[in-house]
Amino acid sequence: MSAVTPATTAWAAEQGRLIGIAYRMRGDMGHAEGVVSEVAIEALREERTGSGRVRSWPAWLTTVCVRRAIDRVRSLAAVREEYLGHWLPEPVATSRLPEDAVADREMLSLGLLHLAEQLAPEARAAVVLHRAYGMSAGEIGEILEKTPVAVRQLISRAERRLRLPAQGAARRAAPPDVARALVSALAAGEIEALLALLADDAILWSDGGGRVKAALNPIFGADRVRRFFVGVREKAVAVDPVRPFTIETLDVNGEPAFALRHSGRTDLIVLEFDEGGLIDGILQVSNLDKLQRAV
């Protein structure tokens, strides 16, 4: 959008927020940027042919963005079924996200974006708009063309399914001393520190996308997750007996993450903790295409 018009001015002001909405809807920054570009084109078309029907450009842009994102989620469902292995959202360095997209970090974490994949597109839109952007059921209903009552039901069911804490409550994170100990241990190639913190019901999700070797299905249970990482360590030591691992701490999607480099590859790892401070979820993104904006 180049010419200065009411539509272009509003789009420029709202672009970061729209990207935040589309990214939370899709879990893919490239697709989010594509959706927002489509919204820009649609806004220009509406301004030229709509006879001044738009009363609020920010509201109009939000509506079109959400509906386009819903359409994109539906159209990519078949593509997702053909994806090699388990699909995880694309991680993005927090510093590379638009400021408006991280003003409220609700519904931004990699774990929540992953869980939100199980929601129907309209339910996902409703909970994103409500939790991350504070929109009312009435406002969301106008976008989704549903009654406020129906929207509140969508939000309530989605919140239960995602096990979301009360709005504004902090999500569970590693205690600072635990995080420091993990970094030191992993940097030294001592993965026992990680394995010792696994909850009995820990789950590992690994996404290689066919680009690098990764578990094709989730790995359930602490014992199986331990065996997986023991195998990783053995391969890394065989490649470099002196320094099998290097590690970098990152801020990704508004939360801590690790870039674990070994055996000529990089794994981005996000840890999820239960109420007792044990690791109950590990998200490992190794697909090179998904790491461009994170490491």
Protein backbone atom coordinates (compact mmCIF):
# COMPACT_ATOMS: atom_id res chain seq x y z
CA MET A 1 0.00 0.00 0.00
CA SER A 2 1.63 3.22 -1.16
CA ALA A 3 -0.90 6.04 -1.68
CA VAL A 4 -1.93 7.78 1.55
CA THR A 5 -5.67 7.15 1.97
CA PRO A 6 -7.85 6.34 4.99
CA ALA A 7 -7.47 2.63 4.20
CA THR A 8 -3.69 2.72 3.82
CA THR A 9 -3.28 4.84 6.93
CA ALA A 10 -5.37 2.42 8.99
CA TRP A 11 -3.60 -0.63 7.54
CA ALA A 12 -0.18 0.81 8.37
CA ALA A 13 -1.29 1.52 11.93
CA GLU A 14 -2.94 -1.89 12.38
CA GLN A 15 -0.44 -4.07 10.49
CA GLY A 16 1.40 -5.37 13.57
CA ARG A 17 -1.83 -6.23 15.36
CA LEU A 18 -3.20 -7.99 12.27
CA ILE A 19 -0.03 -10.06 11.95
CA GLY A 20 -0.38 -11.01 15.62
CA ILE A 21 -3.94 -12.20 15.04
CA ALA A 22 -3.10 -14.15 11.88
CA TYR A 23 0.01 -15.74 13.41
CA ARG A 24 -1.91 -16.89 16.47
CA MET A 25 -4.53 -18.31 14.12
CA ARG A 26 -2.07 -20.13 11.85
CA GLY A 27 1.11 -20.73 13.83
CA ASP A 28 3.06 -19.86 10.68
CA MET A 29 4.56 -16.39 10.23
CA GLY A 30 4.87 -16.65 6.46
CA HIS A 31 1.18 -17.46 6.13
CA ALA A 32 0.31 -14.72 8.63
CA GLU A 33 2.16 -12.13 6.56
CA GLY A 34 0.45 -13.47 3.44
CA VAL A 35 -2.97 -13.05 5.04
CA VAL A 36 -2.20 -9.47 6.07
CA SER A 37 -0.97 -8.63 2.55
CA GLU A 38 -4.25 -9.98 1.17
CA VAL A 39 -6.10 -7.76 3.64
CA ALA A 40 -4.21 -4.73 2.29
CA ILE A 41 -5.25 -5.53 -1.27
CA GLU A 42 -8.85 -6.08 -0.19
CA ALA A 43 -8.84 -2.75 1.69
CA LEU A 44 -7.71 -0.86 -1.41
CA ARG A 45 -10.37 -2.58 -3.47
CA GLU A 46 -13.04 -1.77 -0.89
CA GLU A 47 -11.97 1.86 -0.71
CA ARG A 48 -12.15 2.25 -4.47
CA THR A 49 -15.43 0.47 -5.04
CA GLY A 50 -17.25 0.45 -1.70
CA SER A 51 -18.87 3.90 -1.93
CA GLY A 52 -17.71 4.87 1.54
CA ARG A 53 -19.48 2.02 3.36
CA VAL A 54 -16.65 1.46 5.86
CA ARG A 55 -17.36 3.33 9.11
CA SER A 56 -14.31 2.03 11.02
CA TRP A 57 -11.28 0.86 9.08
CA PRO A 58 -9.61 -0.85 12.09
CA ALA A 59 -12.77 -2.91 12.69
CA TRP A 60 -13.11 -3.69 8.98
CA LEU A 61 -9.46 -4.75 8.71
CA THR A 62 -9.78 -7.00 11.76
CA THR A 63 -12.90 -8.65 10.38
CA VAL A 64 -11.34 -9.37 6.99
CA CYS A 65 -8.10 -10.58 8.59
CA VAL A 66 -9.89 -13.08 10.84
CA ARG A 67 -12.09 -14.38 8.05
CA ARG A 68 -9.12 -14.76 5.70
CA ALA A 69 -7.15 -16.56 8.41
CA ILE A 70 -10.07 -18.95 9.00
CA ASP A 71 -10.24 -19.68 5.27
CA ARG A 72 -6.47 -20.28 5.21
CA VAL A 73 -6.64 -22.70 8.14
CA ARG A 74 -9.37 -24.69 6.40
CA SER A 75 -7.61 -24.77 3.05
CA LEU A 76 -4.36 -26.01 4.59
CA ALA A 77 -5.96 -28.88 6.50
CA ALA A 78 -5.27 -31.33 3.67
CA VAL A 79 -1.67 -30.12 3.36
CA ARG A 80 -1.16 -30.70 7.08
CA GLU A 81 -2.33 -34.31 6.72
CA GLU A 82 0.48 -34.92 4.22
CA TYR A 83 3.15 -33.35 6.44
CA LEU A 84 5.92 -35.83 7.28
CA GLY A 85 5.82 -36.44 11.02
CA HIS A 86 4.29 -34.29 13.72
CA TRP A 87 3.57 -30.64 12.90
CA LEU A 88 4.56 -27.93 15.37
CA PRO A 89 4.03 -24.17 14.98
CA GLU A 90 6.82 -22.04 13.56
CA PRO A 91 8.77 -20.42 16.43
CA VAL A 92 9.65 -16.72 16.06
CA ALA A 93 12.18 -14.75 18.09
CA THR A 94 10.21 -12.36 20.27
CA SER A 95 12.36 -9.47 19.04
CA ARG A 96 11.27 -10.18 15.47
CA LEU A 97 7.57 -10.09 16.21
CA PRO A 98 5.76 -6.77 15.62
CA GLU A 99 5.43 -4.78 18.83
CA ASP A 100 1.65 -4.83 18.55
CA ALA A 101 1.74 -8.63 18.26
CA VAL A 102 3.46 -9.07 21.62
CA ALA A 103 1.84 -6.23 23.57
CA ASP A 104 -0.18 -8.97 25.23
CA ARG A 105 1.56 -12.37 25.13
CA GLU A 106 -1.61 -14.33 25.73
CA MET A 107 -2.07 -17.15 23.22
CA LEU A 108 1.45 -16.59 21.85
CA SER A 109 3.50 -19.38 23.41
CA LEU A 110 4.54 -22.28 21.22
CA GLY A 111 2.77 -24.73 23.53
CA LEU A 112 -0.57 -22.93 23.32
CA LEU A 113 -0.30 -22.49 19.56
CA HIS A 114 0.31 -26.23 19.34
CA LEU A 115 -2.67 -27.07 21.56
CA ALA A 116 -4.88 -24.63 19.66
CA GLU A 117 -4.46 -26.76 16.54
CA GLN A 118 -7.09 -29.10 17.97
CA LEU A 119 -9.71 -26.33 17.92
CA ALA A 120 -12.07 -25.65 15.05
CA PRO A 121 -11.03 -22.48 13.17
CA GLU A 122 -13.87 -20.34 14.50
CA ALA A 123 -13.24 -21.46 18.09
CA ARG A 124 -9.59 -20.64 17.68
CA ALA A 125 -10.47 -17.20 16.33
CA ALA A 126 -12.85 -16.54 19.22
CA VAL A 127 -10.38 -17.46 21.96
CA VAL A 128 -7.53 -15.55 20.28
CA LEU A 129 -9.57 -12.37 19.92
CA HIS A 130 -10.92 -12.63 23.45
CA ARG A 131 -7.78 -13.67 25.33
CA ALA A 132 -5.09 -11.86 23.34
CA TYR A 133 -7.00 -8.76 22.26
CA GLY A 134 -9.67 -8.32 24.90
CA MET A 135 -12.57 -8.26 22.47
CA SER A 136 -16.09 -8.80 23.79
CA ALA A 137 -18.41 -11.61 22.73
CA GLY A 138 -20.51 -9.04 20.87
CA GLU A 139 -17.55 -7.70 18.89
CA ILE A 140 -16.34 -11.21 18.06
CA GLY A 141 -19.86 -12.23 17.10
CA GLU A 142 -19.99 -9.50 14.44
CA ILE A 143 -16.79 -10.87 12.90
CA LEU A 144 -17.84 -14.54 13.05
CA GLU A 145 -21.50 -13.78 12.31
CA LYS A 146 -22.62 -15.51 15.50
CA THR A 147 -24.66 -14.43 18.50
CA PRO A 148 -22.83 -13.29 21.65
CA VAL A 149 -24.19 -16.36 23.44
CA ALA A 150 -22.70 -18.68 20.80
CA VAL A 151 -19.37 -16.84 20.98
CA ARG A 152 -19.22 -17.14 24.77
CA GLN A 153 -19.81 -20.88 24.41
CA LEU A 154 -16.98 -21.13 21.88
CA ILE A 155 -14.63 -19.26 24.19
CA SER A 156 -15.59 -21.25 27.29
CA ARG A 157 -15.11 -24.61 25.56
CA ALA A 158 -11.82 -23.51 24.01
CA GLU A 159 -10.46 -22.28 27.33
CA ARG A 160 -11.31 -25.59 29.00
CA ARG A 161 -9.75 -27.59 26.18
CA LEU A 162 -6.57 -25.50 26.26
CA ARG A 163 -6.50 -25.56 30.08
CA LEU A 164 -5.95 -21.81 30.09
CA PRO A 165 -5.30 -20.13 33.44
CA ALA A 166 -7.45 -17.23 34.58
CA GLN A 167 -6.99 -14.30 32.22
CA GLY A 168 -3.94 -12.29 33.23
CA ALA A 169 -2.45 -15.11 35.35
CA ALA A 170 1.15 -16.05 34.61
CA ARG A 171 1.82 -19.33 32.84
CA ARG A 172 4.03 -21.88 34.56
CA ALA A 173 7.71 -21.49 33.77
CA ALA A 174 10.95 -23.03 34.94
CA PRO A 175 12.19 -21.64 38.25
CA PRO A 176 15.27 -19.45 37.51
CA ASP A 177 17.66 -21.80 39.32
CA VAL A 178 16.32 -24.76 37.35
CA ALA A 179 16.74 -22.89 34.06
CA ARG A 180 20.34 -21.95 34.88
CA ALA A 181 21.19 -25.52 35.89
CA LEU A 182 19.69 -26.88 32.66
CA VAL A 183 21.68 -24.47 30.50
CA SER A 184 24.95 -25.33 32.24
CA ALA A 185 24.34 -29.05 32.11
CA LEU A 186 23.24 -29.17 28.49
CA ALA A 187 26.14 -26.97 27.42
CA ALA A 188 28.46 -29.55 28.97
CA GLY A 189 26.67 -32.37 27.20
CA GLU A 190 25.14 -33.63 30.44
CA ILE A 191 21.55 -34.28 29.48
CA GLU A 192 20.93 -36.09 32.76
CA ALA A 193 19.90 -32.76 34.28
CA LEU A 194 17.08 -32.56 31.76
CA LEU A 195 16.09 -36.19 32.12
CA ALA A 196 16.00 -36.01 35.92
CA LEU A 197 13.30 -33.33 35.72
CA LEU A 198 10.90 -35.33 33.57
CA ALA A 199 7.44 -35.95 34.97
CA ASP A 200 6.23 -39.53 34.65
CA ASP A 201 3.67 -38.49 32.04
CA ALA A 202 6.04 -36.27 30.04
CA ILE A 203 5.45 -36.01 26.29
CA LEU A 204 7.95 -35.12 23.58
CA TRP A 205 6.72 -33.63 20.30
CA SER A 206 9.37 -33.48 17.59
CA ASP A 207 9.07 -31.75 14.22
CA GLY A 208 11.68 -32.46 11.56
CA GLY A 209 9.35 -31.98 8.62
CA GLY A 210 11.31 -34.53 6.60
CA ARG A 211 14.31 -32.16 6.56
CA VAL A 212 16.15 -33.82 9.45
CA LYS A 213 15.63 -37.03 11.38
CA ALA A 214 13.01 -36.71 14.10
CA ALA A 215 10.44 -38.84 15.88
CA LEU A 216 7.47 -39.12 13.54
CA ASN A 217 4.98 -39.46 16.40
CA PRO A 218 4.79 -38.02 19.91
CA ILE A 219 6.80 -39.94 22.51
CA PHE A 220 4.81 -40.60 25.69
CA GLY A 221 6.23 -41.29 29.13
CA ALA A 222 9.43 -40.34 30.93
CA ASP A 223 11.19 -43.64 30.23
CA ARG A 224 10.69 -43.42 26.47
CA VAL A 225 11.65 -39.75 26.39
CA ARG A 226 14.82 -40.59 28.33
CA ARG A 227 15.75 -43.32 25.86
CA PHE A 228 15.22 -40.88 22.99
CA PHE A 229 17.60 -38.31 24.45
CA VAL A 230 20.15 -40.94 25.43
CA GLY A 231 20.24 -41.88 21.76
CA VAL A 232 20.69 -38.23 20.82
CA ARG A 233 23.61 -37.96 23.24
CA GLU A 234 25.30 -41.11 21.92
CA LYS A 235 25.15 -39.81 18.36
CA ALA A 236 26.40 -36.36 19.39
CA VAL A 237 29.34 -37.84 21.30
CA ALA A 238 30.24 -40.00 18.31
CA VAL A 239 30.34 -36.89 16.11
CA ASP A 240 32.25 -34.71 18.61
CA PRO A 241 33.56 -36.46 21.73
CA VAL A 242 35.00 -33.23 23.18
CA ARG A 243 32.04 -30.90 22.80
CA PRO A 244 28.98 -32.88 21.73
CA PHE A 245 26.52 -30.03 22.42
CA THR A 246 26.47 -26.28 22.25
CA ILE A 247 23.50 -24.39 23.61
CA GLU A 248 22.09 -20.91 23.31
CA THR A 249 19.26 -19.45 25.37
CA LEU A 250 16.61 -17.68 23.33
CA ASP A 251 13.46 -15.64 23.81
CA VAL A 252 10.95 -17.16 21.42
CA ASN A 253 7.22 -16.43 21.25
CA GLY A 254 7.51 -14.45 24.46
CA GLU A 255 9.06 -17.28 26.49
CA PRO A 256 12.45 -18.92 27.13
CA ALA A 257 13.73 -21.52 24.68
CA PHE A 258 16.98 -23.35 23.94
CA ALA A 259 18.83 -23.75 20.66
CA LEU A 260 20.61 -27.09 21.09
CA ARG A 261 23.26 -27.68 18.41
CA HIS A 262 24.71 -31.14 17.92
CA SER A 263 25.60 -33.64 15.21
CA GLY A 264 25.54 -30.89 12.55
CA ARG A 265 21.96 -29.84 13.32
CA THR A 266 19.99 -27.42 15.48
CA ASP A 267 17.02 -28.32 17.67
CA LEU A 268 14.93 -25.53 19.14
CA ILE A 269 13.51 -26.78 22.44
CA VAL A 270 10.70 -25.34 24.54
CA LEU A 271 9.97 -26.91 27.92
CA GLU A 272 6.60 -26.98 29.66
CA PHE A 273 6.33 -27.50 33.40
CA ASP A 274 3.66 -28.94 35.65
CA GLU A 275 2.58 -27.47 38.99
CA GLY A 276 5.36 -29.38 40.77
CA GLY A 277 8.09 -27.86 38.61
CA LEU A 278 8.69 -31.04 36.59
CA ILE A 279 8.89 -31.09 32.80
CA ASP A 280 5.66 -32.50 31.39
CA GLY A 281 6.08 -31.33 27.80
CA ILE A 282 8.99 -30.90 25.39
CA LEU A 283 8.49 -29.26 22.01
CA GLN A 284 11.44 -29.83 19.67
CA VAL A 285 11.44 -27.99 16.35
CA SER A 286 14.20 -29.18 14.02
CA ASN A 287 12.68 -28.44 10.61
CA LEU A 288 15.17 -26.02 9.06
CA ASP A 289 12.40 -24.13 7.27
CA LYS A 290 10.81 -23.29 10.63
CA LEU A 291 13.96 -22.06 12.34
CA GLN A 292 14.76 -19.12 10.07
CA ARG A 293 12.99 -16.55 12.25
CA ALA A 294 13.98 -18.05 15.61
CA VAL A 295 17.74 -18.72 15.70
